[in-house]
Each structure stands twice: as C-alpha cells, then as structure tokens.
Amino acid sequence: MSNRFKPKFNIKKGDMVIVISGNSKPQKEDGKTIYKPRKVLKVLPEDGRVVVEGVGIVTRHTKPSAQNTKGGLVKKEAPIHISNVMLWDAKAGAPTKVKRSRETGKLVRIAKKSGEEIK
C-alpha cells in the first residue's frame, strides 16, 4: 500500500470492540441483542486487518522446537478484516461510530453515541 493514500483507522491496539459479522457476531435472545466486547491485540494497517482476542481461532500443526518442545496442535487468533469490528462505547453500553476532532493541538477520538473521549 502506498504512503500517499494511507487509510486512517479508528481502532487501535487495546481498544474494546464488538465483532459485527461472522461467527462471533452478537446473538439475539428474546428480541434483545447480547454484546460481548473483546480486546484488540494487534492492528495490521497495511492489510486493513485486526487481531481480536478469542475471534478467528485457527489451529496450527507445529513441529517440536527449542521454545515448544512438545509440538502438536496450537490454537491462535487469526486476523479479521477491520470492517467486521465496531468500537465499543462502555458508557452507552453499545457499539459506536467514531468522530475525530482537534483539542489543544491533539487529535482525539470521540464516541458518537455518548460524546465521550476514547482513551
């Protein structure tokens, strides 16, 4: 991806997000949506993907090595597309879109649902 048209993402490492599509999307019970916020472990901006805790689990067959003397099956999270996650607003208790604004020369992210600054 060229640096000239580098996309800007509103999700950073350590943010709490909701998976909005795929196998881990929110379930509906009695007409109410049950959300499960999860933590972002890694953001891959060049690919437009994120690694989210407990989502996209893949199984890898590994040979024994110095670090892993047993080898065998290892389960780990695979990256999912950034469009499949939405930022979690803890104050509103729902997923939210993000607005950016400059305050005292710094660019801050603000949740559109509650109006709170995202740390």
N, C-alpha and C. Protein backbone atom coordinates (compact mmCIF):
# COMPACT_ATOMS: atom_id res chain seq x y z
N MET A 1 0.85 -1.17 0.00
CA MET A 1 0.00 0.00 0.00
C MET A 1 0.90 1.24 0.00
N SER A 2 0.59 2.19 -0.84
CA SER A 2 1.43 3.37 -0.93
C SER A 2 1.17 4.30 0.26
N ASN A 3 2.19 5.08 0.61
CA ASN A 3 2.06 6.01 1.72
C ASN A 3 1.20 7.21 1.35
N ARG A 4 1.04 7.45 0.07
CA ARG A 4 0.31 8.62 -0.37
C ARG A 4 -1.18 8.53 -0.01
N PHE A 5 -1.75 7.36 -0.16
CA PHE A 5 -3.17 7.16 0.15
C PHE A 5 -3.34 6.19 1.31
N LYS A 6 -2.59 6.39 2.37
CA LYS A 6 -2.64 5.50 3.52
C LYS A 6 -3.96 5.71 4.28
N PRO A 7 -4.76 4.65 4.47
CA PRO A 7 -6.03 4.83 5.17
C PRO A 7 -5.82 5.09 6.66
N LYS A 8 -6.77 5.79 7.27
CA LYS A 8 -6.73 6.06 8.69
C LYS A 8 -7.83 5.23 9.35
N PHE A 9 -7.46 4.48 10.37
CA PHE A 9 -8.41 3.62 11.05
C PHE A 9 -8.71 4.18 12.43
N ASN A 10 -9.93 3.98 12.89
CA ASN A 10 -10.35 4.49 14.20
C ASN A 10 -10.11 3.49 15.32
N ILE A 11 -9.56 2.34 15.01
CA ILE A 11 -9.36 1.30 16.01
C ILE A 11 -7.87 1.16 16.28
N LYS A 12 -7.53 1.11 17.57
CA LYS A 12 -6.13 0.99 17.99
C LYS A 12 -5.97 -0.23 18.87
N LYS A 13 -4.72 -0.62 19.07
CA LYS A 13 -4.40 -1.75 19.93
C LYS A 13 -4.87 -1.44 21.36
N GLY A 14 -5.54 -2.41 21.98
CA GLY A 14 -6.02 -2.23 23.34
C GLY A 14 -7.46 -1.76 23.43
N ASP A 15 -8.07 -1.34 22.32
CA ASP A 15 -9.47 -0.91 22.31
C ASP A 15 -10.39 -2.09 22.54
N MET A 16 -11.57 -1.81 23.07
CA MET A 16 -12.61 -2.82 23.20
C MET A 16 -13.52 -2.68 21.98
N VAL A 17 -13.78 -3.80 21.29
CA VAL A 17 -14.58 -3.78 20.08
C VAL A 17 -15.66 -4.87 20.13
N ILE A 18 -16.63 -4.73 19.22
CA ILE A 18 -17.67 -5.72 19.01
C ILE A 18 -17.49 -6.27 17.61
N VAL A 19 -17.54 -7.58 17.46
CA VAL A 19 -17.49 -8.19 16.13
C VAL A 19 -18.90 -8.14 15.56
N ILE A 20 -19.08 -7.50 14.40
CA ILE A 20 -20.43 -7.29 13.87
C ILE A 20 -20.79 -8.24 12.75
N SER A 21 -19.86 -9.08 12.31
CA SER A 21 -20.20 -10.08 11.29
C SER A 21 -19.33 -11.31 11.47
N GLY A 22 -19.78 -12.42 10.90
CA GLY A 22 -19.04 -13.67 11.02
C GLY A 22 -19.59 -14.53 12.15
N ASN A 23 -18.81 -15.53 12.54
CA ASN A 23 -19.25 -16.48 13.56
C ASN A 23 -19.37 -15.86 14.95
N SER A 24 -18.64 -14.81 15.22
CA SER A 24 -18.61 -14.22 16.57
C SER A 24 -19.51 -13.01 16.72
N LYS A 25 -20.43 -12.80 15.77
CA LYS A 25 -21.29 -11.62 15.85
C LYS A 25 -22.28 -11.75 17.01
N PRO A 26 -22.88 -10.63 17.46
CA PRO A 26 -23.79 -10.68 18.61
C PRO A 26 -25.01 -11.55 18.36
N GLN A 27 -25.43 -12.24 19.40
CA GLN A 27 -26.60 -13.11 19.31
C GLN A 27 -27.83 -12.36 19.84
N LYS A 28 -29.00 -12.73 19.32
CA LYS A 28 -30.25 -12.13 19.79
C LYS A 28 -31.01 -13.14 20.64
N GLU A 29 -31.44 -12.68 21.82
CA GLU A 29 -32.24 -13.51 22.71
C GLU A 29 -33.44 -12.70 23.18
N ASP A 30 -34.64 -13.19 22.94
CA ASP A 30 -35.88 -12.52 23.32
C ASP A 30 -35.97 -11.10 22.74
N GLY A 31 -35.50 -10.94 21.51
CA GLY A 31 -35.56 -9.65 20.85
C GLY A 31 -34.49 -8.66 21.30
N LYS A 32 -33.61 -9.07 22.20
CA LYS A 32 -32.54 -8.22 22.71
C LYS A 32 -31.20 -8.73 22.21
N THR A 33 -30.33 -7.82 21.80
CA THR A 33 -29.01 -8.21 21.31
C THR A 33 -28.04 -8.31 22.48
N ILE A 34 -27.34 -9.43 22.56
CA ILE A 34 -26.35 -9.66 23.61
C ILE A 34 -24.98 -9.37 23.03
N TYR A 35 -24.31 -8.31 23.51
CA TYR A 35 -22.98 -7.93 23.02
C TYR A 35 -21.90 -8.52 23.91
N LYS A 36 -20.78 -8.87 23.27
CA LYS A 36 -19.63 -9.38 24.02
C LYS A 36 -18.40 -8.58 23.59
N PRO A 37 -18.04 -7.53 24.33
CA PRO A 37 -16.87 -6.73 23.96
C PRO A 37 -15.59 -7.55 24.09
N ARG A 38 -14.69 -7.35 23.14
CA ARG A 38 -13.42 -8.07 23.13
C ARG A 38 -12.29 -7.08 22.90
N LYS A 39 -11.08 -7.47 23.28
CA LYS A 39 -9.92 -6.59 23.21
C LYS A 39 -9.16 -6.78 21.89
N VAL A 40 -8.69 -5.68 21.32
CA VAL A 40 -7.87 -5.73 20.11
C VAL A 40 -6.43 -6.01 20.53
N LEU A 41 -5.86 -7.08 20.01
CA LEU A 41 -4.49 -7.47 20.36
C LEU A 41 -3.47 -6.83 19.43
N LYS A 42 -3.85 -6.65 18.15
CA LYS A 42 -2.92 -6.14 17.16
C LYS A 42 -3.69 -5.53 16.01
N VAL A 43 -3.15 -4.44 15.44
CA VAL A 43 -3.74 -3.81 14.26
C VAL A 43 -2.73 -3.91 13.13
N LEU A 44 -3.16 -4.40 11.97
CA LEU A 44 -2.31 -4.53 10.80
C LEU A 44 -2.80 -3.54 9.74
N PRO A 45 -2.35 -2.26 9.79
CA PRO A 45 -2.91 -1.24 8.90
C PRO A 45 -2.60 -1.46 7.43
N GLU A 46 -1.47 -2.08 7.11
CA GLU A 46 -1.12 -2.31 5.71
C GLU A 46 -2.07 -3.32 5.05
N ASP A 47 -2.64 -4.22 5.84
CA ASP A 47 -3.59 -5.21 5.32
C ASP A 47 -5.04 -4.83 5.60
N GLY A 48 -5.26 -3.83 6.46
CA GLY A 48 -6.61 -3.46 6.85
C GLY A 48 -7.26 -4.52 7.73
N ARG A 49 -6.47 -5.14 8.62
CA ARG A 49 -6.97 -6.22 9.46
C ARG A 49 -6.62 -5.99 10.92
N VAL A 50 -7.36 -6.66 11.80
CA VAL A 50 -7.10 -6.59 13.23
C VAL A 50 -7.12 -8.00 13.81
N VAL A 51 -6.35 -8.20 14.88
CA VAL A 51 -6.38 -9.46 15.62
C VAL A 51 -7.15 -9.18 16.91
N VAL A 52 -8.27 -9.89 17.09
CA VAL A 52 -9.15 -9.67 18.24
C VAL A 52 -9.11 -10.90 19.12
N GLU A 53 -9.09 -10.67 20.43
CA GLU A 53 -8.99 -11.74 21.41
C GLU A 53 -10.17 -12.71 21.30
N GLY A 54 -9.88 -13.99 21.06
CA GLY A 54 -10.91 -15.02 21.03
C GLY A 54 -11.73 -15.08 19.75
N VAL A 55 -11.33 -14.38 18.70
CA VAL A 55 -12.08 -14.36 17.44
C VAL A 55 -11.19 -14.88 16.32
N GLY A 56 -11.75 -15.68 15.42
CA GLY A 56 -10.99 -16.21 14.28
C GLY A 56 -9.93 -17.19 14.71
N ILE A 57 -10.27 -18.09 15.60
CA ILE A 57 -9.31 -19.07 16.11
C ILE A 57 -8.97 -20.07 15.01
N VAL A 58 -7.67 -20.25 14.76
CA VAL A 58 -7.20 -21.24 13.80
C VAL A 58 -6.29 -22.23 14.52
N THR A 59 -6.21 -23.44 14.00
CA THR A 59 -5.37 -24.47 14.58
C THR A 59 -4.16 -24.69 13.68
N ARG A 60 -2.99 -24.62 14.26
CA ARG A 60 -1.74 -24.82 13.52
C ARG A 60 -1.06 -26.09 14.02
N HIS A 61 -0.55 -26.88 13.09
CA HIS A 61 0.26 -28.05 13.44
C HIS A 61 1.70 -27.58 13.52
N THR A 62 2.34 -27.77 14.68
CA THR A 62 3.71 -27.29 14.86
C THR A 62 4.64 -28.45 15.19
N LYS A 63 5.85 -28.35 14.67
CA LYS A 63 6.88 -29.34 14.98
C LYS A 63 7.52 -28.98 16.32
N PRO A 64 8.07 -29.95 17.01
CA PRO A 64 8.80 -29.63 18.24
C PRO A 64 10.00 -28.74 17.94
N SER A 65 10.22 -27.74 18.79
CA SER A 65 11.36 -26.83 18.62
C SER A 65 11.94 -26.52 20.00
N ALA A 66 12.92 -25.63 20.04
CA ALA A 66 13.55 -25.28 21.31
C ALA A 66 12.55 -24.58 22.24
N GLN A 67 11.69 -23.68 21.68
CA GLN A 67 10.71 -22.99 22.51
C GLN A 67 9.54 -23.90 22.85
N ASN A 68 9.07 -24.68 21.86
CA ASN A 68 7.92 -25.55 22.06
C ASN A 68 8.40 -26.99 21.91
N THR A 69 8.80 -27.60 23.02
CA THR A 69 9.41 -28.93 22.97
C THR A 69 8.41 -30.03 22.62
N LYS A 70 7.13 -29.81 22.91
CA LYS A 70 6.12 -30.83 22.61
C LYS A 70 5.66 -30.80 21.17
N GLY A 71 5.44 -29.61 20.62
CA GLY A 71 4.86 -29.52 19.28
C GLY A 71 3.37 -29.81 19.35
N GLY A 72 2.79 -30.26 18.25
CA GLY A 72 1.37 -30.62 18.25
C GLY A 72 0.48 -29.51 17.73
N LEU A 73 -0.76 -29.49 18.18
CA LEU A 73 -1.74 -28.52 17.73
C LEU A 73 -1.70 -27.26 18.60
N VAL A 74 -1.60 -26.10 17.95
CA VAL A 74 -1.59 -24.82 18.66
C VAL A 74 -2.75 -23.99 18.14
N LYS A 75 -3.59 -23.50 19.03
CA LYS A 75 -4.71 -22.63 18.64
C LYS A 75 -4.31 -21.18 18.87
N LYS A 76 -4.56 -20.33 17.84
CA LYS A 76 -4.26 -18.92 17.98
C LYS A 76 -5.24 -18.10 17.15
N GLU A 77 -5.28 -16.79 17.44
CA GLU A 77 -6.20 -15.90 16.74
C GLU A 77 -5.63 -15.50 15.39
N ALA A 78 -6.49 -15.52 14.37
CA ALA A 78 -6.10 -15.06 13.04
C ALA A 78 -6.68 -13.66 12.83
N PRO A 79 -6.05 -12.85 11.96
CA PRO A 79 -6.58 -11.51 11.71
C PRO A 79 -7.91 -11.56 10.97
N ILE A 80 -8.80 -10.61 11.32
CA ILE A 80 -10.07 -10.45 10.61
C ILE A 80 -10.09 -9.04 10.03
N HIS A 81 -10.94 -8.80 9.04
CA HIS A 81 -10.97 -7.50 8.39
C HIS A 81 -11.50 -6.44 9.35
N ILE A 82 -10.93 -5.25 9.25
CA ILE A 82 -11.26 -4.17 10.18
C ILE A 82 -12.70 -3.70 10.03
N SER A 83 -13.32 -3.95 8.87
CA SER A 83 -14.71 -3.55 8.68
C SER A 83 -15.67 -4.46 9.43
N ASN A 84 -15.21 -5.58 9.94
CA ASN A 84 -16.06 -6.51 10.67
C ASN A 84 -16.11 -6.23 12.17
N VAL A 85 -15.43 -5.17 12.62
CA VAL A 85 -15.47 -4.81 14.04
C VAL A 85 -15.94 -3.37 14.19
N MET A 86 -16.51 -3.08 15.36
CA MET A 86 -17.00 -1.75 15.68
C MET A 86 -16.59 -1.43 17.11
N LEU A 87 -16.19 -0.19 17.33
CA LEU A 87 -15.72 0.23 18.64
C LEU A 87 -16.83 0.13 19.68
N TRP A 88 -16.48 -0.29 20.90
CA TRP A 88 -17.44 -0.45 21.99
C TRP A 88 -17.43 0.81 22.85
N ASP A 89 -18.61 1.36 23.10
CA ASP A 89 -18.75 2.52 23.97
C ASP A 89 -19.25 2.02 25.32
N ALA A 90 -18.38 2.03 26.32
CA ALA A 90 -18.72 1.48 27.63
C ALA A 90 -19.80 2.30 28.32
N LYS A 91 -19.79 3.62 28.14
CA LYS A 91 -20.78 4.46 28.80
C LYS A 91 -22.18 4.20 28.24
N ALA A 92 -22.29 4.11 26.91
CA ALA A 92 -23.59 3.87 26.28
C ALA A 92 -23.97 2.39 26.34
N GLY A 93 -22.98 1.51 26.50
CA GLY A 93 -23.23 0.07 26.53
C GLY A 93 -23.63 -0.47 25.18
N ALA A 94 -23.08 0.12 24.11
CA ALA A 94 -23.42 -0.28 22.75
C ALA A 94 -22.26 0.05 21.82
N PRO A 95 -22.24 -0.58 20.63
CA PRO A 95 -21.21 -0.22 19.66
C PRO A 95 -21.45 1.19 19.13
N THR A 96 -20.37 1.88 18.75
CA THR A 96 -20.50 3.27 18.33
C THR A 96 -19.57 3.59 17.17
N LYS A 97 -19.93 4.63 16.43
CA LYS A 97 -19.04 5.17 15.41
C LYS A 97 -18.11 6.16 16.09
N VAL A 98 -17.07 6.58 15.36
CA VAL A 98 -16.06 7.45 15.94
C VAL A 98 -15.97 8.76 15.17
N LYS A 99 -15.85 9.84 15.93
CA LYS A 99 -15.64 11.16 15.34
C LYS A 99 -14.28 11.64 15.81
N ARG A 100 -13.53 12.28 14.92
CA ARG A 100 -12.22 12.82 15.30
C ARG A 100 -12.32 14.32 15.38
N SER A 101 -11.67 14.90 16.39
CA SER A 101 -11.61 16.35 16.48
C SER A 101 -10.31 16.75 17.15
N ARG A 102 -9.91 17.98 16.88
CA ARG A 102 -8.67 18.50 17.46
C ARG A 102 -8.99 19.27 18.73
N GLU A 103 -8.32 18.90 19.81
CA GLU A 103 -8.43 19.62 21.07
C GLU A 103 -7.03 19.92 21.55
N THR A 104 -6.75 21.19 21.72
CA THR A 104 -5.43 21.69 22.14
C THR A 104 -4.30 21.08 21.30
N GLY A 105 -4.50 21.06 19.98
CA GLY A 105 -3.46 20.59 19.07
C GLY A 105 -3.33 19.09 18.95
N LYS A 106 -4.10 18.34 19.73
CA LYS A 106 -4.04 16.88 19.66
C LYS A 106 -5.30 16.34 19.02
N LEU A 107 -5.15 15.31 18.20
CA LEU A 107 -6.29 14.67 17.57
C LEU A 107 -6.87 13.65 18.55
N VAL A 108 -8.14 13.79 18.90
CA VAL A 108 -8.77 12.86 19.84
C VAL A 108 -9.94 12.17 19.16
N ARG A 109 -10.22 10.95 19.63
CA ARG A 109 -11.35 10.18 19.13
C ARG A 109 -12.51 10.35 20.09
N ILE A 110 -13.69 10.63 19.54
CA ILE A 110 -14.87 10.84 20.36
C ILE A 110 -15.95 9.87 19.91
N ALA A 111 -16.58 9.18 20.86
CA ALA A 111 -17.67 8.25 20.56
C ALA A 111 -18.90 9.06 20.20
N LYS A 112 -19.53 8.72 19.09
CA LYS A 112 -20.70 9.47 18.63
C LYS A 112 -21.93 9.21 19.50
N LYS A 113 -22.06 8.03 20.09
CA LYS A 113 -23.25 7.71 20.89
C LYS A 113 -23.29 8.50 22.20
N SER A 114 -22.17 8.51 22.94
CA SER A 114 -22.17 9.16 24.24
C SER A 114 -21.48 10.52 24.25
N GLY A 115 -20.66 10.79 23.23
CA GLY A 115 -19.93 12.05 23.20
C GLY A 115 -18.68 12.04 24.05
N GLU A 116 -18.33 10.89 24.63
CA GLU A 116 -17.16 10.77 25.49
C GLU A 116 -15.89 10.59 24.65
N GLU A 117 -14.77 11.04 25.18
CA GLU A 117 -13.47 10.85 24.53
C GLU A 117 -13.03 9.40 24.75
N ILE A 118 -12.47 8.79 23.72
CA ILE A 118 -12.00 7.41 23.81
C ILE A 118 -10.53 7.44 24.18
N LYS A 119 -10.21 6.79 25.26
CA LYS A 119 -8.82 6.79 25.75
C LYS A 119 -8.01 5.72 25.05
